[in-house]
Amino acid sequence: MKLGQATIKDIARELNVSSSTVSRALKDYPGISDETKRKVKEMAEKLNYRPNAVALSLRKSKSFTVGVIIPEVVHFFFSTVISGIEDFAYKNGYNVILCQTNEKLEREKSSLETLLSNQIDGLLVSYSKETTDFSHFSKLMEQDFPIVFFDRRPYLENTINVTVNDFNGAYNATKHLILQGYKKILHLAGPPNLAISVKRK
């Protein structure tokens, strides 16, 4: 038998009990003796039993998986954000599928399709520098699909966004330089289609 292919029926047959008994024992339901639970769990381990994630997601209409799209994983900011996302997701029983676009619109669209085909329950997005048309996201929003944009806020109405105060950050940095006596200050702006670039400028 291949790894992970054993079923509840296989365990039931080996122990000469019903499938419903095995199912309840694996879920620690009351009414099942400790001895039965022990035997079921030992047999499940022996047969390399793994719950069928697809069947579970169909039953609960959830995959307990969240998709994340970011521009670059090597960027310190994004790697830190990913750590936070994964930590919180894990604590709440969710898995994370991560895609990076390398700041390319086509990769962003392809990543989105890949994530949707994996039946994700929601999406966290920091879109690419090339993205000026957000229709691939707005179509999902029109279907009430949960999307949270972070760091980069799209030019769309009624979005949920998690951002820092870029205007105040740039203001405080500039003020600090002025108070240090500097008079010739250079600002290196980002792409104009990114709200963070506009606010910092």
N, C-alpha and C. Protein backbone atom coordinates (compact mmCIF):
# COMPACT_ATOMS: atom_id res chain seq x y z
N MET A 1 0.84 -1.20 0.00
CA MET A 1 0.00 0.00 0.00
C MET A 1 0.88 1.25 0.00
N LYS A 2 0.60 2.19 -0.86
CA LYS A 2 1.40 3.40 -0.96
C LYS A 2 1.13 4.33 0.21
N LEU A 3 2.12 5.18 0.51
CA LEU A 3 2.01 6.11 1.61
C LEU A 3 0.77 6.98 1.49
N GLY A 4 -0.02 7.02 2.57
CA GLY A 4 -1.16 7.92 2.62
C GLY A 4 -2.38 7.45 1.89
N GLN A 5 -2.36 6.21 1.35
CA GLN A 5 -3.50 5.74 0.58
C GLN A 5 -4.46 4.87 1.38
N ALA A 6 -4.11 4.53 2.62
CA ALA A 6 -5.01 3.76 3.46
C ALA A 6 -6.24 4.59 3.77
N THR A 7 -7.38 3.92 3.88
CA THR A 7 -8.64 4.62 4.17
C THR A 7 -9.20 4.16 5.50
N ILE A 8 -10.25 4.85 5.94
CA ILE A 8 -10.94 4.45 7.17
C ILE A 8 -11.47 3.03 7.05
N LYS A 9 -11.92 2.65 5.84
CA LYS A 9 -12.43 1.29 5.61
C LYS A 9 -11.33 0.25 5.80
N ASP A 10 -10.09 0.59 5.40
CA ASP A 10 -8.97 -0.34 5.58
C ASP A 10 -8.71 -0.59 7.07
N ILE A 11 -8.74 0.49 7.85
CA ILE A 11 -8.53 0.37 9.30
C ILE A 11 -9.64 -0.46 9.92
N ALA A 12 -10.87 -0.18 9.51
CA ALA A 12 -12.03 -0.90 10.05
C ALA A 12 -11.94 -2.39 9.74
N ARG A 13 -11.51 -2.73 8.53
CA ARG A 13 -11.40 -4.13 8.13
C ARG A 13 -10.33 -4.85 8.95
N GLU A 14 -9.21 -4.19 9.18
CA GLU A 14 -8.12 -4.79 9.95
C GLU A 14 -8.52 -5.05 11.40
N LEU A 15 -9.35 -4.16 11.96
CA LEU A 15 -9.74 -4.28 13.37
C LEU A 15 -11.09 -4.95 13.55
N ASN A 16 -11.76 -5.25 12.42
CA ASN A 16 -13.07 -5.89 12.46
C ASN A 16 -14.09 -5.04 13.23
N VAL A 17 -14.08 -3.74 12.92
CA VAL A 17 -15.07 -2.81 13.50
C VAL A 17 -15.69 -2.02 12.35
N SER A 18 -16.70 -1.22 12.67
CA SER A 18 -17.36 -0.43 11.61
C SER A 18 -16.53 0.80 11.25
N SER A 19 -16.76 1.30 10.04
CA SER A 19 -16.07 2.52 9.58
C SER A 19 -16.45 3.71 10.46
N SER A 20 -17.70 3.78 10.90
CA SER A 20 -18.13 4.89 11.74
C SER A 20 -17.41 4.88 13.09
N THR A 21 -17.13 3.66 13.60
CA THR A 21 -16.38 3.56 14.86
C THR A 21 -14.97 4.10 14.68
N VAL A 22 -14.35 3.74 13.57
CA VAL A 22 -12.99 4.24 13.28
C VAL A 22 -13.00 5.76 13.15
N SER A 23 -13.97 6.29 12.42
CA SER A 23 -14.07 7.73 12.21
C SER A 23 -14.22 8.46 13.53
N ARG A 24 -15.10 7.95 14.39
CA ARG A 24 -15.32 8.61 15.69
C ARG A 24 -14.11 8.47 16.59
N ALA A 25 -13.43 7.34 16.52
CA ALA A 25 -12.24 7.13 17.35
C ALA A 25 -11.12 8.09 16.95
N LEU A 26 -10.95 8.29 15.64
CA LEU A 26 -9.91 9.21 15.15
C LEU A 26 -10.20 10.66 15.56
N LYS A 27 -11.47 10.97 15.74
CA LYS A 27 -11.87 12.32 16.13
C LYS A 27 -12.07 12.47 17.64
N ASP A 28 -11.71 11.41 18.39
CA ASP A 28 -11.83 11.43 19.86
C ASP A 28 -13.25 11.71 20.34
N TYR A 29 -14.22 11.17 19.64
CA TYR A 29 -15.61 11.35 20.06
C TYR A 29 -15.86 10.64 21.39
N PRO A 30 -16.72 11.21 22.24
CA PRO A 30 -17.11 10.50 23.46
C PRO A 30 -17.95 9.28 23.08
N GLY A 31 -17.98 8.30 23.96
CA GLY A 31 -18.75 7.09 23.66
C GLY A 31 -17.90 6.00 23.05
N ILE A 32 -16.66 6.33 22.68
CA ILE A 32 -15.72 5.34 22.17
C ILE A 32 -14.69 5.07 23.26
N SER A 33 -14.49 3.83 23.60
CA SER A 33 -13.58 3.50 24.70
C SER A 33 -12.14 3.91 24.38
N ASP A 34 -11.39 4.17 25.44
CA ASP A 34 -9.98 4.54 25.27
C ASP A 34 -9.19 3.43 24.58
N GLU A 35 -9.55 2.18 24.88
CA GLU A 35 -8.87 1.03 24.28
C GLU A 35 -9.11 0.99 22.77
N THR A 36 -10.35 1.25 22.35
CA THR A 36 -10.68 1.26 20.92
C THR A 36 -9.95 2.40 20.22
N LYS A 37 -9.94 3.57 20.86
CA LYS A 37 -9.24 4.73 20.29
C LYS A 37 -7.76 4.40 20.11
N ARG A 38 -7.18 3.75 21.11
CA ARG A 38 -5.75 3.42 21.04
C ARG A 38 -5.48 2.47 19.88
N LYS A 39 -6.30 1.42 19.74
CA LYS A 39 -6.12 0.44 18.67
C LYS A 39 -6.29 1.08 17.29
N VAL A 40 -7.29 1.92 17.18
CA VAL A 40 -7.55 2.59 15.90
C VAL A 40 -6.38 3.49 15.50
N LYS A 41 -5.88 4.26 16.46
CA LYS A 41 -4.79 5.19 16.16
C LYS A 41 -3.49 4.46 15.86
N GLU A 42 -3.27 3.34 16.54
CA GLU A 42 -2.08 2.54 16.26
C GLU A 42 -2.15 1.94 14.85
N MET A 43 -3.34 1.44 14.49
CA MET A 43 -3.51 0.84 13.16
C MET A 43 -3.40 1.92 12.08
N ALA A 44 -3.94 3.10 12.37
CA ALA A 44 -3.86 4.21 11.41
C ALA A 44 -2.40 4.57 11.13
N GLU A 45 -1.59 4.57 12.19
CA GLU A 45 -0.17 4.88 12.03
C GLU A 45 0.54 3.76 11.28
N LYS A 46 0.18 2.51 11.60
CA LYS A 46 0.80 1.36 10.95
C LYS A 46 0.51 1.34 9.45
N LEU A 47 -0.72 1.73 9.07
CA LEU A 47 -1.11 1.72 7.66
C LEU A 47 -0.81 3.04 6.94
N ASN A 48 -0.15 3.96 7.65
CA ASN A 48 0.17 5.28 7.08
C ASN A 48 -1.09 6.02 6.63
N TYR A 49 -2.13 5.92 7.44
CA TYR A 49 -3.40 6.60 7.11
C TYR A 49 -3.22 8.12 7.21
N ARG A 50 -3.72 8.82 6.21
CA ARG A 50 -3.77 10.29 6.22
C ARG A 50 -5.17 10.71 5.83
N PRO A 51 -5.75 11.68 6.55
CA PRO A 51 -7.09 12.17 6.16
C PRO A 51 -7.06 12.71 4.74
N ASN A 52 -8.09 12.47 3.99
CA ASN A 52 -8.21 12.96 2.61
C ASN A 52 -8.56 14.44 2.64
N ALA A 53 -7.58 15.28 2.34
CA ALA A 53 -7.78 16.73 2.43
C ALA A 53 -8.84 17.21 1.45
N VAL A 54 -8.90 16.59 0.27
CA VAL A 54 -9.89 16.99 -0.74
C VAL A 54 -11.30 16.69 -0.25
N ALA A 55 -11.48 15.47 0.28
CA ALA A 55 -12.79 15.08 0.78
C ALA A 55 -13.20 15.95 1.95
N LEU A 56 -12.22 16.25 2.82
CA LEU A 56 -12.51 17.09 3.97
C LEU A 56 -12.93 18.48 3.55
N SER A 57 -12.25 19.02 2.54
CA SER A 57 -12.58 20.37 2.07
C SER A 57 -13.95 20.40 1.42
N LEU A 58 -14.32 19.33 0.71
CA LEU A 58 -15.64 19.27 0.09
C LEU A 58 -16.73 19.19 1.15
N ARG A 59 -16.46 18.42 2.20
CA ARG A 59 -17.44 18.26 3.27
C ARG A 59 -17.66 19.56 4.02
N LYS A 60 -16.58 20.30 4.25
CA LYS A 60 -16.68 21.53 5.03
C LYS A 60 -16.75 22.77 4.15
N SER A 61 -16.70 22.58 2.84
CA SER A 61 -16.67 23.70 1.88
C SER A 61 -15.52 24.66 2.17
N LYS A 62 -14.44 24.14 2.73
CA LYS A 62 -13.25 24.94 3.01
C LYS A 62 -12.02 24.07 2.78
N SER A 63 -10.95 24.71 2.33
CA SER A 63 -9.70 23.98 2.12
C SER A 63 -8.71 24.25 3.25
N PHE A 64 -9.03 25.24 4.09
CA PHE A 64 -8.13 25.67 5.17
C PHE A 64 -6.75 26.02 4.61
N THR A 65 -6.79 26.67 3.45
CA THR A 65 -5.57 27.12 2.78
C THR A 65 -5.73 28.56 2.33
N VAL A 66 -4.73 29.37 2.58
CA VAL A 66 -4.73 30.78 2.18
C VAL A 66 -3.63 31.00 1.15
N GLY A 67 -3.94 31.74 0.10
CA GLY A 67 -2.95 32.06 -0.92
C GLY A 67 -2.31 33.41 -0.64
N VAL A 68 -1.02 33.51 -0.94
CA VAL A 68 -0.29 34.78 -0.77
C VAL A 68 0.48 35.06 -2.05
N ILE A 69 0.28 36.26 -2.58
CA ILE A 69 1.03 36.70 -3.77
C ILE A 69 1.87 37.91 -3.39
N ILE A 70 3.18 37.80 -3.60
CA ILE A 70 4.09 38.89 -3.29
C ILE A 70 5.01 39.15 -4.49
N PRO A 71 5.62 40.34 -4.54
CA PRO A 71 6.55 40.63 -5.65
C PRO A 71 7.86 39.84 -5.55
N GLU A 72 8.49 39.85 -4.36
CA GLU A 72 9.80 39.21 -4.20
C GLU A 72 9.94 38.62 -2.81
N VAL A 73 10.33 37.38 -2.74
CA VAL A 73 10.50 36.75 -1.44
C VAL A 73 11.83 37.17 -0.79
N VAL A 74 12.80 37.62 -1.60
CA VAL A 74 14.11 37.98 -1.06
C VAL A 74 14.11 39.33 -0.36
N HIS A 75 13.09 40.13 -0.61
CA HIS A 75 12.99 41.45 0.02
C HIS A 75 12.74 41.27 1.51
N PHE A 76 13.51 41.97 2.35
CA PHE A 76 13.41 41.79 3.80
C PHE A 76 11.99 42.04 4.31
N PHE A 77 11.35 43.08 3.78
CA PHE A 77 9.98 43.41 4.21
C PHE A 77 9.04 42.23 3.96
N PHE A 78 9.07 41.69 2.73
CA PHE A 78 8.15 40.62 2.37
C PHE A 78 8.46 39.32 3.10
N SER A 79 9.74 39.02 3.30
CA SER A 79 10.08 37.79 4.03
C SER A 79 9.59 37.88 5.47
N THR A 80 9.64 39.08 6.06
CA THR A 80 9.14 39.28 7.42
C THR A 80 7.63 39.13 7.47
N VAL A 81 6.95 39.71 6.49
CA VAL A 81 5.49 39.60 6.41
C VAL A 81 5.06 38.14 6.26
N ILE A 82 5.76 37.40 5.39
CA ILE A 82 5.43 36.00 5.17
C ILE A 82 5.54 35.21 6.47
N SER A 83 6.59 35.47 7.24
CA SER A 83 6.76 34.78 8.52
C SER A 83 5.57 35.03 9.43
N GLY A 84 5.10 36.27 9.46
CA GLY A 84 3.94 36.61 10.28
C GLY A 84 2.67 35.93 9.80
N ILE A 85 2.48 35.93 8.47
CA ILE A 85 1.29 35.29 7.88
C ILE A 85 1.28 33.80 8.20
N GLU A 86 2.41 33.13 7.97
CA GLU A 86 2.48 31.69 8.20
C GLU A 86 2.30 31.34 9.66
N ASP A 87 2.87 32.14 10.54
CA ASP A 87 2.76 31.88 11.97
C ASP A 87 1.30 31.97 12.42
N PHE A 88 0.61 33.02 12.01
CA PHE A 88 -0.79 33.21 12.40
C PHE A 88 -1.69 32.16 11.76
N ALA A 89 -1.43 31.86 10.49
CA ALA A 89 -2.23 30.85 9.78
C ALA A 89 -2.09 29.49 10.46
N TYR A 90 -0.86 29.10 10.78
CA TYR A 90 -0.61 27.80 11.42
C TYR A 90 -1.34 27.69 12.75
N LYS A 91 -1.29 28.76 13.54
CA LYS A 91 -1.95 28.75 14.85
C LYS A 91 -3.46 28.60 14.72
N ASN A 92 -4.00 28.96 13.56
CA ASN A 92 -5.45 28.89 13.36
C ASN A 92 -5.86 27.73 12.44
N GLY A 93 -4.94 26.79 12.23
CA GLY A 93 -5.27 25.58 11.48
C GLY A 93 -5.30 25.75 9.97
N TYR A 94 -4.59 26.76 9.45
CA TYR A 94 -4.56 26.99 8.01
C TYR A 94 -3.16 26.75 7.45
N ASN A 95 -3.12 26.37 6.17
CA ASN A 95 -1.87 26.27 5.43
C ASN A 95 -1.75 27.48 4.51
N VAL A 96 -0.53 27.74 4.06
CA VAL A 96 -0.27 28.90 3.19
C VAL A 96 0.41 28.42 1.91
N ILE A 97 -0.12 28.88 0.77
CA ILE A 97 0.55 28.66 -0.52
C ILE A 97 1.09 30.01 -0.98
N LEU A 98 2.39 30.07 -1.21
CA LEU A 98 3.06 31.32 -1.55
C LEU A 98 3.46 31.36 -3.01
N CYS A 99 3.18 32.48 -3.67
CA CYS A 99 3.63 32.71 -5.06
C CYS A 99 4.32 34.07 -5.13
N GLN A 100 5.41 34.14 -5.91
CA GLN A 100 6.06 35.44 -6.12
C GLN A 100 6.02 35.78 -7.60
N THR A 101 5.82 37.06 -7.88
CA THR A 101 5.63 37.51 -9.25
C THR A 101 6.89 38.06 -9.89
N ASN A 102 7.91 38.34 -9.09
CA ASN A 102 9.11 39.03 -9.60
C ASN A 102 8.72 40.33 -10.31
N GLU A 103 7.68 40.97 -9.78
CA GLU A 103 7.19 42.27 -10.29
C GLU A 103 6.64 42.17 -11.72
N LYS A 104 6.17 40.99 -12.13
CA LYS A 104 5.63 40.80 -13.48
C LYS A 104 4.12 40.56 -13.43
N LEU A 105 3.38 41.31 -14.23
CA LEU A 105 1.92 41.19 -14.27
C LEU A 105 1.47 39.81 -14.72
N GLU A 106 2.11 39.27 -15.76
CA GLU A 106 1.70 37.96 -16.29
C GLU A 106 1.89 36.86 -15.25
N ARG A 107 2.97 36.95 -14.49
CA ARG A 107 3.21 35.95 -13.43
C ARG A 107 2.18 36.11 -12.32
N GLU A 108 1.78 37.34 -12.09
CA GLU A 108 0.75 37.61 -11.08
C GLU A 108 -0.57 36.94 -11.46
N LYS A 109 -0.96 37.10 -12.73
CA LYS A 109 -2.20 36.48 -13.22
C LYS A 109 -2.10 34.96 -13.19
N SER A 110 -0.96 34.44 -13.59
CA SER A 110 -0.75 32.99 -13.59
C SER A 110 -0.79 32.44 -12.17
N SER A 111 -0.16 33.16 -11.25
CA SER A 111 -0.16 32.75 -9.84
C SER A 111 -1.57 32.72 -9.29
N LEU A 112 -2.35 33.72 -9.66
CA LEU A 112 -3.73 33.80 -9.19
C LEU A 112 -4.53 32.58 -9.65
N GLU A 113 -4.37 32.22 -10.92
CA GLU A 113 -5.08 31.06 -11.45
C GLU A 113 -4.65 29.77 -10.75
N THR A 114 -3.36 29.65 -10.48
CA THR A 114 -2.84 28.47 -9.78
C THR A 114 -3.44 28.35 -8.39
N LEU A 115 -3.48 29.47 -7.68
CA LEU A 115 -4.02 29.47 -6.32
C LEU A 115 -5.50 29.14 -6.31
N LEU A 116 -6.24 29.71 -7.25
CA LEU A 116 -7.68 29.45 -7.31
C LEU A 116 -7.96 27.99 -7.65
N SER A 117 -7.12 27.39 -8.49
CA SER A 117 -7.30 25.98 -8.85
C SER A 117 -7.03 25.07 -7.66
N ASN A 118 -6.32 25.59 -6.67
CA ASN A 118 -6.05 24.83 -5.45
C ASN A 118 -7.11 25.09 -4.37
N GLN A 119 -8.21 25.74 -4.77
CA GLN A 119 -9.36 25.93 -3.89
C GLN A 119 -9.02 26.68 -2.60
N ILE A 120 -8.23 27.74 -2.72
CA ILE A 120 -7.89 28.53 -1.52
C ILE A 120 -9.14 29.18 -0.94
N ASP A 121 -9.11 29.43 0.36
CA ASP A 121 -10.25 30.06 1.04
C ASP A 121 -10.17 31.59 1.00
N GLY A 122 -9.00 32.13 0.77
CA GLY A 122 -8.83 33.57 0.73
C GLY A 122 -7.46 33.92 0.17
N LEU A 123 -7.25 35.21 -0.06
CA LEU A 123 -6.03 35.66 -0.75
C LEU A 123 -5.46 36.92 -0.11
N LEU A 124 -4.14 36.91 0.07
CA LEU A 124 -3.40 38.09 0.52
C LEU A 124 -2.51 38.52 -0.64
N VAL A 125 -2.56 39.80 -1.00
CA VAL A 125 -1.86 40.24 -2.22
C VAL A 125 -1.07 41.53 -2.01
N SER A 126 0.16 41.51 -2.49
CA SER A 126 0.92 42.73 -2.72
C SER A 126 1.26 42.69 -4.21
N TYR A 127 0.55 43.49 -4.99
CA TYR A 127 0.62 43.35 -6.44
C TYR A 127 1.93 43.86 -7.04
N SER A 128 2.17 43.52 -8.30
CA SER A 128 3.44 43.83 -8.96
C SER A 128 3.51 45.29 -9.41
N LYS A 129 4.71 45.73 -9.68
CA LYS A 129 4.93 47.10 -10.17
C LYS A 129 4.32 47.31 -11.54
N GLU A 130 4.15 46.22 -12.30
CA GLU A 130 3.59 46.33 -13.64
C GLU A 130 2.06 46.43 -13.64
N THR A 131 1.44 46.16 -12.51
CA THR A 131 -0.02 46.07 -12.46
C THR A 131 -0.67 47.46 -12.42
N THR A 132 -1.36 47.78 -13.49
CA THR A 132 -2.15 49.02 -13.53
C THR A 132 -3.63 48.70 -13.77
N ASP A 133 -3.88 47.52 -14.30
CA ASP A 133 -5.26 47.04 -14.51
C ASP A 133 -5.52 45.95 -13.47
N PHE A 134 -6.51 46.20 -12.62
CA PHE A 134 -6.77 45.28 -11.50
C PHE A 134 -8.01 44.41 -11.74
N SER A 135 -8.39 44.25 -13.00
CA SER A 135 -9.62 43.53 -13.32
C SER A 135 -9.58 42.07 -12.85
N HIS A 136 -8.38 41.45 -12.85
CA HIS A 136 -8.30 40.05 -12.40
C HIS A 136 -8.62 39.92 -10.91
N PHE A 137 -8.41 41.00 -10.16
CA PHE A 137 -8.79 40.99 -8.75
C PHE A 137 -10.25 41.45 -8.56
N SER A 138 -10.64 42.47 -9.32
CA SER A 138 -12.01 43.00 -9.16
C SER A 138 -13.07 41.96 -9.51
N LYS A 139 -12.76 41.08 -10.48
CA LYS A 139 -13.71 40.01 -10.84
C LYS A 139 -13.96 39.09 -9.65
N LEU A 140 -12.91 38.80 -8.92
CA LEU A 140 -13.05 37.95 -7.73
C LEU A 140 -13.82 38.68 -6.64
N MET A 141 -13.53 39.96 -6.47
CA MET A 141 -14.21 40.74 -5.44
C MET A 141 -15.71 40.83 -5.73
N GLU A 142 -16.07 40.89 -6.99
CA GLU A 142 -17.49 40.94 -7.37
C GLU A 142 -18.22 39.66 -6.99
N GLN A 143 -17.45 38.57 -6.84
CA GLN A 143 -18.03 37.29 -6.42
C GLN A 143 -17.89 37.08 -4.91
N ASP A 144 -17.54 38.18 -4.20
CA ASP A 144 -17.38 38.15 -2.73
C ASP A 144 -16.26 37.21 -2.28
N PHE A 145 -15.25 37.03 -3.14
CA PHE A 145 -14.10 36.23 -2.73
C PHE A 145 -13.22 37.08 -1.81
N PRO A 146 -12.83 36.55 -0.65
CA PRO A 146 -12.06 37.37 0.31
C PRO A 146 -10.62 37.65 -0.14
N ILE A 147 -10.33 38.94 -0.33
CA ILE A 147 -8.98 39.39 -0.70
C ILE A 147 -8.56 40.52 0.23
N VAL A 148 -7.34 40.44 0.73
CA VAL A 148 -6.76 41.53 1.51
C VAL A 148 -5.49 41.97 0.79
N PHE A 149 -5.41 43.26 0.48
CA PHE A 149 -4.21 43.82 -0.13
C PHE A 149 -3.32 44.38 0.98
N PHE A 150 -2.02 44.12 0.87
CA PHE A 150 -1.12 44.67 1.88
C PHE A 150 0.08 45.35 1.23
N ASP A 151 0.57 46.35 1.91
CA ASP A 151 1.70 47.19 1.48
C ASP A 151 1.34 48.07 0.28
N ARG A 152 0.81 47.47 -0.77
CA ARG A 152 0.44 48.21 -1.98
C ARG A 152 -1.07 48.22 -2.13
N ARG A 153 -1.64 49.41 -2.03
CA ARG A 153 -3.09 49.56 -2.09
C ARG A 153 -3.54 49.82 -3.53
N PRO A 154 -4.41 48.97 -4.06
CA PRO A 154 -4.81 49.13 -5.47
C PRO A 154 -5.80 50.27 -5.66
N TYR A 155 -5.89 50.74 -6.90
CA TYR A 155 -6.85 51.79 -7.23
C TYR A 155 -8.20 51.15 -7.55
N LEU A 156 -8.79 50.58 -6.49
CA LEU A 156 -10.10 49.95 -6.57
C LEU A 156 -10.94 50.40 -5.38
N GLU A 157 -12.24 50.40 -5.57
CA GLU A 157 -13.13 50.78 -4.47
C GLU A 157 -13.43 49.56 -3.60
N ASN A 158 -13.73 49.86 -2.33
CA ASN A 158 -14.19 48.84 -1.37
C ASN A 158 -13.21 47.69 -1.17
N THR A 159 -11.93 48.02 -1.14
CA THR A 159 -10.93 46.98 -0.87
C THR A 159 -10.58 46.97 0.62
N ILE A 160 -10.10 45.83 1.08
CA ILE A 160 -9.58 45.72 2.45
C ILE A 160 -8.06 45.78 2.34
N ASN A 161 -7.46 46.72 3.06
CA ASN A 161 -6.02 46.97 2.92
C ASN A 161 -5.32 47.01 4.26
N VAL A 162 -4.10 46.51 4.27
CA VAL A 162 -3.23 46.63 5.44
C VAL A 162 -1.97 47.35 4.98
N THR A 163 -1.79 48.57 5.44
CA THR A 163 -0.64 49.37 5.01
C THR A 163 -0.05 50.13 6.19
N VAL A 164 1.13 50.66 5.97
CA VAL A 164 1.71 51.59 6.95
C VAL A 164 1.41 53.00 6.47
N ASN A 165 1.63 53.98 7.32
CA ASN A 165 1.38 55.37 6.95
C ASN A 165 2.60 55.91 6.20
N ASP A 166 2.60 55.71 4.89
CA ASP A 166 3.75 56.11 4.07
C ASP A 166 3.95 57.62 4.05
N PHE A 167 2.85 58.38 4.07
CA PHE A 167 2.97 59.84 4.06
C PHE A 167 3.70 60.32 5.31
N ASN A 168 3.24 59.86 6.48
CA ASN A 168 3.88 60.29 7.73
C ASN A 168 5.31 59.79 7.84
N GLY A 169 5.56 58.58 7.34
CA GLY A 169 6.92 58.04 7.37
C GLY A 169 7.88 58.90 6.57
N ALA A 170 7.46 59.29 5.35
CA ALA A 170 8.31 60.14 4.51
C ALA A 170 8.46 61.54 5.12
N TYR A 171 7.37 62.04 5.69
CA TYR A 171 7.40 63.36 6.33
C TYR A 171 8.41 63.38 7.49
N ASN A 172 8.33 62.35 8.35
CA ASN A 172 9.22 62.29 9.51
C ASN A 172 10.68 62.12 9.10
N ALA A 173 10.92 61.33 8.05
CA ALA A 173 12.30 61.15 7.57
C ALA A 173 12.87 62.46 7.04
N THR A 174 12.04 63.18 6.27
CA THR A 174 12.48 64.47 5.70
C THR A 174 12.70 65.50 6.80
N LYS A 175 11.78 65.54 7.75
CA LYS A 175 11.91 66.48 8.88
C LYS A 175 13.19 66.22 9.66
N HIS A 176 13.52 64.95 9.86
CA HIS A 176 14.74 64.58 10.58
C HIS A 176 15.97 65.12 9.85
N LEU A 177 16.00 64.98 8.52
CA LEU A 177 17.14 65.47 7.75
C LEU A 177 17.25 66.99 7.83
N ILE A 178 16.11 67.67 7.76
CA ILE A 178 16.10 69.14 7.84
C ILE A 178 16.61 69.61 9.20
N LEU A 179 16.16 68.92 10.26
CA LEU A 179 16.59 69.29 11.62
C LEU A 179 18.08 69.02 11.84
N GLN A 180 18.65 68.12 11.01
CA GLN A 180 20.08 67.85 11.09
C GLN A 180 20.89 68.87 10.30
N GLY A 181 20.17 69.81 9.65
CA GLY A 181 20.84 70.88 8.93
C GLY A 181 21.02 70.64 7.44
N TYR A 182 20.49 69.56 6.93
CA TYR A 182 20.64 69.27 5.50
C TYR A 182 19.64 70.10 4.70
N LYS A 183 20.13 70.67 3.57
CA LYS A 183 19.28 71.51 2.73
C LYS A 183 19.04 70.92 1.34
N LYS A 184 19.94 70.10 0.88
CA LYS A 184 19.78 69.46 -0.43
C LYS A 184 19.39 68.00 -0.22
N ILE A 185 18.11 67.73 -0.33
CA ILE A 185 17.58 66.39 -0.04
C ILE A 185 17.05 65.76 -1.33
N LEU A 186 17.49 64.55 -1.60
CA LEU A 186 17.06 63.84 -2.80
C LEU A 186 16.03 62.78 -2.44
N HIS A 187 14.96 62.71 -3.23
CA HIS A 187 13.95 61.66 -3.04
C HIS A 187 13.97 60.74 -4.27
N LEU A 188 14.23 59.46 -4.03
CA LEU A 188 14.19 58.47 -5.10
C LEU A 188 12.80 57.83 -5.09
N ALA A 189 11.99 58.20 -6.04
CA ALA A 189 10.60 57.75 -6.07
C ALA A 189 10.47 56.37 -6.70
N GLY A 190 9.42 55.66 -6.31
CA GLY A 190 9.10 54.38 -6.92
C GLY A 190 8.16 54.60 -8.09
N PRO A 191 7.64 53.52 -8.69
CA PRO A 191 6.72 53.63 -9.84
C PRO A 191 5.47 54.44 -9.47
N PRO A 192 5.03 55.34 -10.35
CA PRO A 192 3.88 56.20 -10.05
C PRO A 192 2.55 55.45 -9.92
N ASN A 193 2.49 54.20 -10.39
CA ASN A 193 1.24 53.45 -10.26
C ASN A 193 1.08 52.82 -8.87
N LEU A 194 2.13 52.91 -8.03
CA LEU A 194 2.05 52.43 -6.68
C LEU A 194 1.68 53.56 -5.74
N ALA A 195 0.61 53.40 -4.98
CA ALA A 195 0.17 54.44 -4.06
C ALA A 195 1.24 54.79 -3.04
N ILE A 196 2.05 53.78 -2.63
CA ILE A 196 3.10 54.05 -1.65
C ILE A 196 4.11 55.06 -2.20
N SER A 197 4.40 54.99 -3.50
CA SER A 197 5.34 55.94 -4.11
C SER A 197 4.78 57.34 -4.06
N VAL A 198 3.51 57.47 -4.41
CA VAL A 198 2.85 58.78 -4.44
C VAL A 198 2.81 59.40 -3.05
N LYS A 199 2.42 58.60 -2.06
CA LYS A 199 2.29 59.12 -0.69
C LYS A 199 3.65 59.50 -0.10
N ARG A 200 4.67 58.75 -0.39
CA ARG A 200 6.00 59.07 0.12
C ARG A 200 6.53 60.35 -0.52
N LYS A 201 6.25 60.51 -1.79
CA LYS A 201 6.68 61.72 -2.51
C LYS A 201 5.93 62.94 -1.98
